[in-house]
Amino acid sequence: MNLSIRGQQIEVTDALKDYVDKKLNKLEKYFDEPLTSDGNVTLSVNRGLHTVEVTIPMKGLVLRAEDESNDMYGSIDAVVDKLERQIRKHKTKINRKFRQEGNLKTLFVENVPASASPTTDDELDMDIDDFEVVRTKRFLLKPMDVEEAILQMNMIGHNFFVFSNIENNEVNVVYKRKDGKYGLIEKE
């Protein structure tokens, strides 16, 4: 896997690069074929908190994790743990679907050596059940511009808001970022 490692308000030393590379390349043991995608790693320091963001785009799946702590190496370890958990959840879900459909081809390796935090199949099944939809909301999307959507979001006290963008007649999402600024999600 090719990693693009960059720092924000921190100098990325060779030791940090080697540590990130070593830790993230351990994820390849979960896949049948070597990862050919380019992963993005952002290391940053803000108000004494060391933040690590990792995004690994793959065919039909984007692995993404973020963690912040008082120690950069601890944050890197925590992000790798989160990514491993995502992979195990997805692997269980995908392989279960393939078994039910009678297809033997799998995306992930079946038997991965036990890690420091072994997880049983029952625990993985419980994790999959965490995706149960317990409530559905339906509402009319009023056409509005981004600024009005942000005002609406702030008025209802949510950290995201779905709206019909008046400029392109598509469904967009505005959200409040951790840094207090706003983001916009739109279709490519």
N, C-alpha and C. Protein backbone atom coordinates (compact mmCIF):
# COMPACT_ATOMS: atom_id res chain seq x y z
N MET A 1 0.85 -1.17 0.00
CA MET A 1 0.00 0.00 0.00
C MET A 1 0.90 1.24 0.00
N ASN A 2 0.55 2.19 -0.85
CA ASN A 2 1.29 3.43 -0.90
C ASN A 2 0.65 4.43 0.05
N LEU A 3 1.45 5.01 0.93
CA LEU A 3 0.92 5.95 1.91
C LEU A 3 1.44 7.34 1.65
N SER A 4 0.53 8.30 1.67
CA SER A 4 0.88 9.71 1.59
C SER A 4 0.75 10.26 3.00
N ILE A 5 1.88 10.54 3.65
CA ILE A 5 1.87 10.99 5.04
C ILE A 5 2.23 12.47 5.07
N ARG A 6 1.34 13.26 5.66
CA ARG A 6 1.62 14.69 5.75
C ARG A 6 1.32 15.18 7.15
N GLY A 7 1.94 16.28 7.52
CA GLY A 7 1.75 16.84 8.84
C GLY A 7 1.13 18.22 8.78
N GLN A 8 0.31 18.51 9.76
CA GLN A 8 -0.25 19.85 9.92
C GLN A 8 0.19 20.36 11.28
N GLN A 9 0.94 21.42 11.28
CA GLN A 9 1.48 22.01 12.50
C GLN A 9 2.39 21.04 13.25
N ILE A 10 3.01 20.13 12.49
CA ILE A 10 3.97 19.19 13.07
C ILE A 10 4.91 18.75 11.95
N GLU A 11 6.17 18.58 12.29
CA GLU A 11 7.12 18.06 11.32
C GLU A 11 7.07 16.53 11.38
N VAL A 12 6.85 15.92 10.24
CA VAL A 12 6.77 14.47 10.17
C VAL A 12 8.19 13.93 10.03
N THR A 13 8.69 13.36 11.12
CA THR A 13 10.05 12.83 11.13
C THR A 13 10.09 11.47 10.45
N ASP A 14 11.31 11.01 10.14
CA ASP A 14 11.46 9.68 9.55
C ASP A 14 10.96 8.60 10.51
N ALA A 15 11.17 8.80 11.80
CA ALA A 15 10.70 7.83 12.79
C ALA A 15 9.17 7.72 12.76
N LEU A 16 8.48 8.85 12.67
CA LEU A 16 7.02 8.83 12.59
C LEU A 16 6.57 8.16 11.30
N LYS A 17 7.22 8.50 10.17
CA LYS A 17 6.86 7.88 8.89
C LYS A 17 7.03 6.37 8.95
N ASP A 18 8.16 5.92 9.49
CA ASP A 18 8.42 4.48 9.59
C ASP A 18 7.38 3.79 10.47
N TYR A 19 7.02 4.44 11.59
CA TYR A 19 6.06 3.85 12.51
C TYR A 19 4.68 3.73 11.85
N VAL A 20 4.24 4.80 11.18
CA VAL A 20 2.95 4.77 10.48
C VAL A 20 2.97 3.70 9.40
N ASP A 21 4.03 3.66 8.61
CA ASP A 21 4.14 2.69 7.53
C ASP A 21 4.10 1.26 8.07
N LYS A 22 4.86 1.01 9.12
CA LYS A 22 4.92 -0.33 9.72
C LYS A 22 3.55 -0.75 10.26
N LYS A 23 2.87 0.15 10.96
CA LYS A 23 1.58 -0.18 11.56
C LYS A 23 0.49 -0.40 10.50
N LEU A 24 0.41 0.50 9.53
CA LEU A 24 -0.65 0.40 8.54
C LEU A 24 -0.44 -0.75 7.55
N ASN A 25 0.81 -1.10 7.29
CA ASN A 25 1.05 -2.22 6.39
C ASN A 25 0.67 -3.56 7.02
N LYS A 26 0.48 -3.57 8.33
CA LYS A 26 -0.02 -4.78 8.99
C LYS A 26 -1.45 -5.11 8.57
N LEU A 27 -2.17 -4.10 8.07
CA LEU A 27 -3.56 -4.32 7.64
C LEU A 27 -3.65 -5.20 6.41
N GLU A 28 -2.55 -5.30 5.65
CA GLU A 28 -2.59 -6.09 4.42
C GLU A 28 -2.83 -7.57 4.67
N LYS A 29 -2.58 -8.03 5.90
CA LYS A 29 -2.80 -9.44 6.20
C LYS A 29 -4.28 -9.82 6.12
N TYR A 30 -5.16 -8.83 6.14
CA TYR A 30 -6.59 -9.10 6.09
C TYR A 30 -7.12 -9.30 4.67
N PHE A 31 -6.31 -9.03 3.65
CA PHE A 31 -6.78 -9.06 2.27
C PHE A 31 -6.12 -10.18 1.48
N ASP A 32 -6.90 -10.75 0.53
CA ASP A 32 -6.39 -11.81 -0.32
C ASP A 32 -5.27 -11.32 -1.23
N GLU A 33 -5.42 -10.10 -1.75
CA GLU A 33 -4.43 -9.53 -2.65
C GLU A 33 -3.84 -8.27 -2.01
N PRO A 34 -2.60 -7.94 -2.33
CA PRO A 34 -1.99 -6.72 -1.77
C PRO A 34 -2.80 -5.48 -2.18
N LEU A 35 -2.90 -4.53 -1.26
CA LEU A 35 -3.63 -3.30 -1.54
C LEU A 35 -2.85 -2.45 -2.53
N THR A 36 -3.53 -2.00 -3.57
CA THR A 36 -2.86 -1.16 -4.56
C THR A 36 -3.29 0.30 -4.45
N SER A 37 -4.24 0.57 -3.55
CA SER A 37 -4.73 1.93 -3.42
C SER A 37 -3.74 2.79 -2.62
N ASP A 38 -3.89 4.09 -2.79
CA ASP A 38 -3.05 5.04 -2.08
C ASP A 38 -3.79 5.52 -0.84
N GLY A 39 -3.18 5.30 0.33
CA GLY A 39 -3.78 5.75 1.57
C GLY A 39 -3.28 7.13 1.94
N ASN A 40 -4.12 7.92 2.57
CA ASN A 40 -3.75 9.25 3.03
C ASN A 40 -3.72 9.27 4.55
N VAL A 41 -2.61 9.76 5.10
CA VAL A 41 -2.44 9.86 6.54
C VAL A 41 -2.12 11.31 6.86
N THR A 42 -2.88 11.89 7.79
CA THR A 42 -2.63 13.25 8.22
C THR A 42 -2.35 13.24 9.71
N LEU A 43 -1.19 13.74 10.07
CA LEU A 43 -0.80 13.87 11.47
C LEU A 43 -0.88 15.36 11.82
N SER A 44 -1.53 15.68 12.92
CA SER A 44 -1.64 17.09 13.29
C SER A 44 -1.61 17.25 14.80
N VAL A 45 -1.23 18.44 15.21
CA VAL A 45 -1.22 18.79 16.63
C VAL A 45 -2.03 20.07 16.77
N ASN A 46 -3.03 20.04 17.64
CA ASN A 46 -3.87 21.21 17.87
C ASN A 46 -4.21 21.28 19.35
N ARG A 47 -3.78 22.35 20.00
CA ARG A 47 -4.02 22.55 21.43
C ARG A 47 -3.51 21.39 22.27
N GLY A 48 -2.38 20.87 21.91
CA GLY A 48 -1.76 19.79 22.68
C GLY A 48 -2.29 18.41 22.38
N LEU A 49 -3.29 18.30 21.51
CA LEU A 49 -3.83 16.99 21.15
C LEU A 49 -3.21 16.54 19.83
N HIS A 50 -2.74 15.32 19.81
CA HIS A 50 -2.13 14.72 18.63
C HIS A 50 -3.21 13.93 17.89
N THR A 51 -3.51 14.37 16.68
CA THR A 51 -4.59 13.77 15.89
C THR A 51 -4.01 13.03 14.70
N VAL A 52 -4.55 11.84 14.44
CA VAL A 52 -4.17 11.04 13.28
C VAL A 52 -5.44 10.71 12.51
N GLU A 53 -5.44 11.04 11.22
CA GLU A 53 -6.55 10.72 10.32
C GLU A 53 -6.01 9.83 9.21
N VAL A 54 -6.70 8.71 8.97
CA VAL A 54 -6.27 7.78 7.91
C VAL A 54 -7.47 7.50 7.01
N THR A 55 -7.25 7.61 5.70
CA THR A 55 -8.27 7.28 4.71
C THR A 55 -7.63 6.36 3.67
N ILE A 56 -8.25 5.20 3.48
CA ILE A 56 -7.76 4.23 2.50
C ILE A 56 -8.92 3.88 1.57
N PRO A 57 -8.94 4.49 0.37
CA PRO A 57 -10.01 4.16 -0.58
C PRO A 57 -9.74 2.81 -1.25
N MET A 58 -10.79 2.01 -1.35
CA MET A 58 -10.68 0.71 -2.00
C MET A 58 -11.90 0.55 -2.91
N LYS A 59 -11.89 -0.49 -3.71
CA LYS A 59 -13.02 -0.73 -4.61
C LYS A 59 -14.24 -1.08 -3.76
N GLY A 60 -15.25 -0.22 -3.80
CA GLY A 60 -16.49 -0.47 -3.08
C GLY A 60 -16.43 -0.22 -1.59
N LEU A 61 -15.36 0.34 -1.08
CA LEU A 61 -15.20 0.52 0.36
C LEU A 61 -14.17 1.60 0.63
N VAL A 62 -14.45 2.45 1.60
CA VAL A 62 -13.46 3.43 2.04
C VAL A 62 -13.24 3.19 3.52
N LEU A 63 -12.00 2.86 3.87
CA LEU A 63 -11.65 2.70 5.27
C LEU A 63 -11.20 4.07 5.77
N ARG A 64 -11.79 4.52 6.88
CA ARG A 64 -11.41 5.81 7.43
C ARG A 64 -11.50 5.75 8.93
N ALA A 65 -10.47 6.28 9.59
CA ALA A 65 -10.47 6.34 11.05
C ALA A 65 -9.71 7.58 11.49
N GLU A 66 -10.08 8.04 12.67
CA GLU A 66 -9.45 9.23 13.24
C GLU A 66 -9.36 9.02 14.74
N ASP A 67 -8.26 9.50 15.32
CA ASP A 67 -8.12 9.43 16.78
C ASP A 67 -7.26 10.58 17.23
N GLU A 68 -7.52 11.03 18.46
CA GLU A 68 -6.68 12.07 19.05
C GLU A 68 -6.40 11.73 20.50
N SER A 69 -5.17 12.00 20.91
CA SER A 69 -4.77 11.75 22.28
C SER A 69 -3.60 12.68 22.60
N ASN A 70 -3.00 12.48 23.75
CA ASN A 70 -1.86 13.30 24.16
C ASN A 70 -0.54 12.80 23.58
N ASP A 71 -0.57 11.64 22.90
CA ASP A 71 0.65 11.03 22.38
C ASP A 71 0.42 10.62 20.91
N MET A 72 1.30 11.05 20.02
CA MET A 72 1.13 10.76 18.60
C MET A 72 1.19 9.26 18.33
N TYR A 73 2.13 8.57 18.98
CA TYR A 73 2.25 7.13 18.75
C TYR A 73 1.01 6.39 19.28
N GLY A 74 0.46 6.85 20.38
CA GLY A 74 -0.77 6.26 20.91
C GLY A 74 -1.94 6.48 19.96
N SER A 75 -1.99 7.67 19.35
CA SER A 75 -3.05 7.96 18.38
C SER A 75 -2.93 7.06 17.16
N ILE A 76 -1.69 6.83 16.71
CA ILE A 76 -1.47 5.95 15.55
C ILE A 76 -1.94 4.54 15.88
N ASP A 77 -1.58 4.04 17.06
CA ASP A 77 -2.01 2.69 17.47
C ASP A 77 -3.53 2.60 17.53
N ALA A 78 -4.18 3.63 18.09
CA ALA A 78 -5.64 3.61 18.21
C ALA A 78 -6.31 3.63 16.84
N VAL A 79 -5.76 4.39 15.90
CA VAL A 79 -6.33 4.44 14.55
C VAL A 79 -6.20 3.07 13.88
N VAL A 80 -5.08 2.42 14.03
CA VAL A 80 -4.90 1.09 13.44
C VAL A 80 -5.90 0.10 14.04
N ASP A 81 -6.12 0.19 15.36
CA ASP A 81 -7.11 -0.67 16.00
C ASP A 81 -8.51 -0.42 15.43
N LYS A 82 -8.86 0.86 15.23
CA LYS A 82 -10.17 1.19 14.66
C LYS A 82 -10.30 0.65 13.25
N LEU A 83 -9.25 0.77 12.45
CA LEU A 83 -9.29 0.26 11.08
C LEU A 83 -9.42 -1.26 11.07
N GLU A 84 -8.71 -1.94 11.96
CA GLU A 84 -8.82 -3.40 12.04
C GLU A 84 -10.25 -3.80 12.39
N ARG A 85 -10.85 -3.07 13.31
CA ARG A 85 -12.23 -3.38 13.70
C ARG A 85 -13.17 -3.18 12.52
N GLN A 86 -12.99 -2.08 11.77
CA GLN A 86 -13.82 -1.85 10.58
C GLN A 86 -13.66 -2.99 9.58
N ILE A 87 -12.43 -3.41 9.37
CA ILE A 87 -12.17 -4.48 8.40
C ILE A 87 -12.84 -5.77 8.86
N ARG A 88 -12.71 -6.10 10.16
CA ARG A 88 -13.33 -7.33 10.67
C ARG A 88 -14.85 -7.29 10.53
N LYS A 89 -15.45 -6.13 10.82
CA LYS A 89 -16.90 -6.00 10.67
C LYS A 89 -17.31 -6.19 9.21
N HIS A 90 -16.60 -5.50 8.33
CA HIS A 90 -16.93 -5.58 6.91
C HIS A 90 -16.68 -6.99 6.37
N LYS A 91 -15.60 -7.59 6.81
CA LYS A 91 -15.27 -8.95 6.37
C LYS A 91 -16.38 -9.92 6.77
N THR A 92 -16.85 -9.81 8.01
CA THR A 92 -17.91 -10.69 8.48
C THR A 92 -19.18 -10.48 7.67
N LYS A 93 -19.52 -9.22 7.42
CA LYS A 93 -20.73 -8.89 6.68
C LYS A 93 -20.64 -9.41 5.24
N ILE A 94 -19.53 -9.14 4.57
CA ILE A 94 -19.36 -9.55 3.17
C ILE A 94 -19.31 -11.07 3.05
N ASN A 95 -18.51 -11.72 3.90
CA ASN A 95 -18.38 -13.16 3.79
C ASN A 95 -19.69 -13.87 4.13
N ARG A 96 -20.47 -13.31 5.06
CA ARG A 96 -21.78 -13.88 5.37
C ARG A 96 -22.69 -13.77 4.15
N LYS A 97 -22.65 -12.63 3.47
CA LYS A 97 -23.48 -12.43 2.28
C LYS A 97 -23.08 -13.41 1.19
N PHE A 98 -21.76 -13.59 0.98
CA PHE A 98 -21.31 -14.54 -0.04
C PHE A 98 -21.71 -15.97 0.30
N ARG A 99 -21.62 -16.34 1.59
CA ARG A 99 -22.02 -17.70 1.98
C ARG A 99 -23.50 -17.92 1.75
N GLN A 100 -24.33 -16.91 2.04
CA GLN A 100 -25.77 -17.03 1.85
C GLN A 100 -26.13 -17.15 0.38
N GLU A 101 -25.35 -16.48 -0.48
CA GLU A 101 -25.62 -16.53 -1.91
C GLU A 101 -24.93 -17.71 -2.58
N GLY A 102 -24.14 -18.46 -1.82
CA GLY A 102 -23.48 -19.63 -2.37
C GLY A 102 -22.24 -19.32 -3.18
N ASN A 103 -21.72 -18.10 -3.08
CA ASN A 103 -20.51 -17.71 -3.81
C ASN A 103 -19.32 -17.90 -2.89
N LEU A 104 -18.32 -18.63 -3.35
CA LEU A 104 -17.17 -18.92 -2.51
C LEU A 104 -16.10 -17.84 -2.55
N LYS A 105 -16.16 -16.97 -3.51
CA LYS A 105 -15.14 -15.92 -3.61
C LYS A 105 -15.30 -14.94 -2.46
N THR A 106 -14.21 -14.64 -1.81
CA THR A 106 -14.25 -13.69 -0.70
C THR A 106 -13.26 -12.57 -0.95
N LEU A 107 -13.55 -11.44 -0.38
CA LEU A 107 -12.68 -10.28 -0.51
C LEU A 107 -11.56 -10.33 0.52
N PHE A 108 -11.86 -10.90 1.66
CA PHE A 108 -10.93 -10.91 2.77
C PHE A 108 -10.40 -12.31 3.05
N VAL A 109 -9.25 -12.38 3.67
CA VAL A 109 -8.66 -13.64 4.09
C VAL A 109 -9.52 -14.24 5.18
N GLU A 110 -9.77 -15.54 5.12
CA GLU A 110 -10.65 -16.19 6.09
C GLU A 110 -10.03 -16.29 7.48
N ASN A 111 -8.82 -16.78 7.58
CA ASN A 111 -8.21 -17.00 8.89
C ASN A 111 -7.01 -16.08 9.07
N VAL A 112 -7.21 -15.06 9.86
CA VAL A 112 -6.16 -14.10 10.14
C VAL A 112 -5.57 -14.45 11.49
N PRO A 113 -4.22 -14.42 11.63
CA PRO A 113 -3.63 -14.71 12.93
C PRO A 113 -4.19 -13.79 14.00
N ALA A 114 -4.34 -14.35 15.19
CA ALA A 114 -4.91 -13.58 16.30
C ALA A 114 -4.03 -12.38 16.63
N SER A 115 -4.69 -11.26 16.90
CA SER A 115 -3.96 -10.04 17.26
C SER A 115 -3.99 -9.88 18.77
N ALA A 116 -3.53 -8.74 19.24
CA ALA A 116 -3.48 -8.47 20.67
C ALA A 116 -4.87 -8.46 21.29
N SER A 117 -5.89 -8.12 20.50
CA SER A 117 -7.26 -8.09 21.01
C SER A 117 -8.13 -9.04 20.19
N PRO A 118 -8.10 -10.35 20.52
CA PRO A 118 -8.88 -11.30 19.74
C PRO A 118 -10.36 -11.03 19.87
N THR A 119 -11.09 -11.27 18.78
CA THR A 119 -12.52 -11.06 18.75
C THR A 119 -13.17 -12.34 18.26
N THR A 120 -14.20 -12.81 18.98
CA THR A 120 -14.88 -14.04 18.60
C THR A 120 -15.92 -13.73 17.54
N ASP A 121 -16.40 -14.80 16.87
CA ASP A 121 -17.44 -14.61 15.86
C ASP A 121 -18.71 -14.06 16.48
N ASP A 122 -19.03 -14.48 17.72
CA ASP A 122 -20.22 -13.95 18.38
C ASP A 122 -20.12 -12.45 18.60
N GLU A 123 -18.91 -11.98 19.00
CA GLU A 123 -18.73 -10.54 19.20
C GLU A 123 -18.85 -9.80 17.88
N LEU A 124 -18.33 -10.39 16.79
CA LEU A 124 -18.45 -9.75 15.48
C LEU A 124 -19.91 -9.69 15.06
N ASP A 125 -20.68 -10.77 15.32
CA ASP A 125 -22.10 -10.75 15.00
C ASP A 125 -22.83 -9.66 15.76
N MET A 126 -22.46 -9.45 17.03
CA MET A 126 -23.07 -8.39 17.83
C MET A 126 -22.72 -7.03 17.24
N ASP A 127 -21.49 -6.86 16.75
CA ASP A 127 -21.10 -5.59 16.13
C ASP A 127 -21.92 -5.32 14.88
N ILE A 128 -22.19 -6.36 14.10
CA ILE A 128 -22.98 -6.18 12.87
C ILE A 128 -24.39 -5.74 13.24
N ASP A 129 -24.93 -6.27 14.34
CA ASP A 129 -26.27 -5.89 14.77
C ASP A 129 -26.34 -4.43 15.19
N ASP A 130 -25.21 -3.78 15.45
CA ASP A 130 -25.20 -2.37 15.81
C ASP A 130 -25.70 -1.50 14.68
N PHE A 131 -25.83 -2.02 13.48
CA PHE A 131 -26.25 -1.24 12.33
C PHE A 131 -27.76 -1.27 12.13
N GLU A 132 -28.51 -1.73 13.11
CA GLU A 132 -29.95 -1.82 13.00
C GLU A 132 -30.55 -0.41 12.95
N VAL A 133 -31.41 -0.16 11.99
CA VAL A 133 -32.10 1.12 11.89
C VAL A 133 -33.28 1.08 12.86
N VAL A 134 -33.31 2.00 13.82
CA VAL A 134 -34.37 2.00 14.83
C VAL A 134 -35.39 3.11 14.60
N ARG A 135 -35.09 4.02 13.68
CA ARG A 135 -36.02 5.12 13.41
C ARG A 135 -35.82 5.62 11.99
N THR A 136 -36.89 5.92 11.32
CA THR A 136 -36.83 6.48 9.97
C THR A 136 -37.59 7.79 9.97
N LYS A 137 -36.96 8.82 9.42
CA LYS A 137 -37.62 10.12 9.31
C LYS A 137 -37.84 10.43 7.84
N ARG A 138 -38.97 11.01 7.53
CA ARG A 138 -39.27 11.44 6.18
C ARG A 138 -39.64 12.92 6.24
N PHE A 139 -39.12 13.67 5.29
CA PHE A 139 -39.44 15.09 5.27
C PHE A 139 -39.28 15.64 3.87
N LEU A 140 -39.95 16.73 3.63
CA LEU A 140 -39.89 17.40 2.35
C LEU A 140 -38.63 18.26 2.29
N LEU A 141 -37.86 18.13 1.23
CA LEU A 141 -36.63 18.91 1.09
C LEU A 141 -36.95 20.24 0.43
N LYS A 142 -36.86 21.30 1.21
CA LYS A 142 -37.11 22.63 0.69
C LYS A 142 -35.86 23.12 -0.04
N PRO A 143 -36.01 23.60 -1.29
CA PRO A 143 -34.83 24.14 -1.97
C PRO A 143 -34.31 25.38 -1.24
N MET A 144 -32.99 25.40 -0.98
CA MET A 144 -32.36 26.54 -0.29
C MET A 144 -30.89 26.58 -0.65
N ASP A 145 -30.26 27.70 -0.35
CA ASP A 145 -28.82 27.80 -0.58
C ASP A 145 -28.07 27.31 0.65
N VAL A 146 -26.76 27.20 0.53
CA VAL A 146 -25.93 26.62 1.59
C VAL A 146 -26.04 27.44 2.87
N GLU A 147 -26.02 28.76 2.76
CA GLU A 147 -26.08 29.61 3.95
C GLU A 147 -27.38 29.40 4.72
N GLU A 148 -28.50 29.29 4.00
CA GLU A 148 -29.78 29.06 4.67
C GLU A 148 -29.80 27.68 5.34
N ALA A 149 -29.18 26.69 4.69
CA ALA A 149 -29.12 25.35 5.27
C ALA A 149 -28.32 25.37 6.58
N ILE A 150 -27.22 26.13 6.60
CA ILE A 150 -26.43 26.24 7.83
C ILE A 150 -27.25 26.91 8.92
N LEU A 151 -27.99 27.96 8.58
CA LEU A 151 -28.84 28.62 9.56
C LEU A 151 -29.91 27.66 10.10
N GLN A 152 -30.54 26.89 9.21
CA GLN A 152 -31.55 25.92 9.63
C GLN A 152 -30.94 24.87 10.57
N MET A 153 -29.75 24.39 10.21
CA MET A 153 -29.07 23.39 11.03
C MET A 153 -28.81 23.94 12.43
N ASN A 154 -28.31 25.17 12.51
CA ASN A 154 -28.02 25.78 13.80
C ASN A 154 -29.29 26.03 14.61
N MET A 155 -30.39 26.37 13.91
CA MET A 155 -31.64 26.63 14.62
C MET A 155 -32.20 25.37 15.27
N ILE A 156 -32.04 24.23 14.62
CA ILE A 156 -32.58 22.99 15.21
C ILE A 156 -31.56 22.30 16.13
N GLY A 157 -30.32 22.82 16.16
CA GLY A 157 -29.33 22.29 17.09
C GLY A 157 -28.68 20.99 16.68
N HIS A 158 -28.71 20.68 15.40
CA HIS A 158 -28.05 19.46 14.92
C HIS A 158 -26.65 19.77 14.42
N ASN A 159 -25.84 18.71 14.18
CA ASN A 159 -24.52 18.93 13.63
C ASN A 159 -24.46 18.60 12.14
N PHE A 160 -25.62 18.31 11.52
CA PHE A 160 -25.70 18.14 10.07
C PHE A 160 -27.12 18.51 9.63
N PHE A 161 -27.26 18.78 8.33
CA PHE A 161 -28.57 19.13 7.80
C PHE A 161 -28.63 18.73 6.33
N VAL A 162 -29.69 17.99 5.96
CA VAL A 162 -29.89 17.53 4.58
C VAL A 162 -30.84 18.52 3.90
N PHE A 163 -30.48 18.95 2.70
CA PHE A 163 -31.31 19.93 2.00
C PHE A 163 -31.17 19.77 0.50
N SER A 164 -32.12 20.39 -0.23
CA SER A 164 -32.06 20.43 -1.69
C SER A 164 -31.38 21.74 -2.07
N ASN A 165 -30.23 21.63 -2.70
CA ASN A 165 -29.44 22.82 -3.05
C ASN A 165 -30.10 23.53 -4.23
N ILE A 166 -30.45 24.78 -4.02
CA ILE A 166 -31.15 25.56 -5.04
C ILE A 166 -30.27 25.83 -6.26
N GLU A 167 -28.95 25.79 -6.06
CA GLU A 167 -28.03 26.08 -7.15
C GLU A 167 -27.92 24.95 -8.17
N ASN A 168 -28.01 23.69 -7.68
CA ASN A 168 -27.84 22.56 -8.60
C ASN A 168 -28.97 21.53 -8.55
N ASN A 169 -30.02 21.82 -7.76
CA ASN A 169 -31.19 20.95 -7.62
C ASN A 169 -30.83 19.53 -7.19
N GLU A 170 -29.77 19.38 -6.39
CA GLU A 170 -29.38 18.07 -5.89
C GLU A 170 -29.44 18.07 -4.37
N VAL A 171 -29.52 16.88 -3.80
CA VAL A 171 -29.54 16.75 -2.35
C VAL A 171 -28.11 16.88 -1.84
N ASN A 172 -27.91 17.78 -0.89
CA ASN A 172 -26.60 18.02 -0.28
C ASN A 172 -26.74 17.92 1.23
N VAL A 173 -25.60 17.87 1.90
CA VAL A 173 -25.56 17.84 3.35
C VAL A 173 -24.55 18.88 3.82
N VAL A 174 -24.95 19.73 4.77
CA VAL A 174 -23.99 20.60 5.44
C VAL A 174 -23.76 20.01 6.82
N TYR A 175 -22.56 20.18 7.35
CA TYR A 175 -22.26 19.64 8.67
C TYR A 175 -21.28 20.55 9.40
N LYS A 176 -21.32 20.47 10.71
CA LYS A 176 -20.42 21.27 11.54
C LYS A 176 -19.20 20.43 11.86
N ARG A 177 -18.03 21.00 11.59
CA ARG A 177 -16.78 20.29 11.82
C ARG A 177 -16.31 20.50 13.26
N LYS A 178 -15.37 19.68 13.69
CA LYS A 178 -14.84 19.80 15.05
C LYS A 178 -14.17 21.14 15.29
N ASP A 179 -13.62 21.74 14.22
CA ASP A 179 -12.95 23.03 14.39
C ASP A 179 -13.92 24.20 14.41
N GLY A 180 -15.24 23.92 14.37
CA GLY A 180 -16.24 24.97 14.44
C GLY A 180 -16.64 25.53 13.09
N LYS A 181 -15.96 25.12 12.04
CA LYS A 181 -16.31 25.57 10.70
C LYS A 181 -17.33 24.60 10.11
N TYR A 182 -17.71 24.84 8.86
CA TYR A 182 -18.76 24.03 8.24
C TYR A 182 -18.24 23.31 7.01
N GLY A 183 -18.84 22.17 6.72
CA GLY A 183 -18.49 21.40 5.54
C GLY A 183 -19.73 21.16 4.70
N LEU A 184 -19.53 20.88 3.43
CA LEU A 184 -20.62 20.60 2.50
C LEU A 184 -20.32 19.29 1.79
N ILE A 185 -21.30 18.40 1.78
CA ILE A 185 -21.18 17.13 1.06
C ILE A 185 -22.11 17.19 -0.14
N GLU A 186 -21.54 16.99 -1.33
CA GLU A 186 -22.35 16.97 -2.54
C GLU A 186 -21.91 15.82 -3.42
N LYS A 187 -22.80 15.40 -4.30
CA LYS A 187 -22.55 14.27 -5.21
C LYS A 187 -21.55 14.67 -6.28
N GLU A 188 -20.68 13.72 -6.64
CA GLU A 188 -19.72 13.97 -7.74
C GLU A 188 -20.41 13.93 -9.06
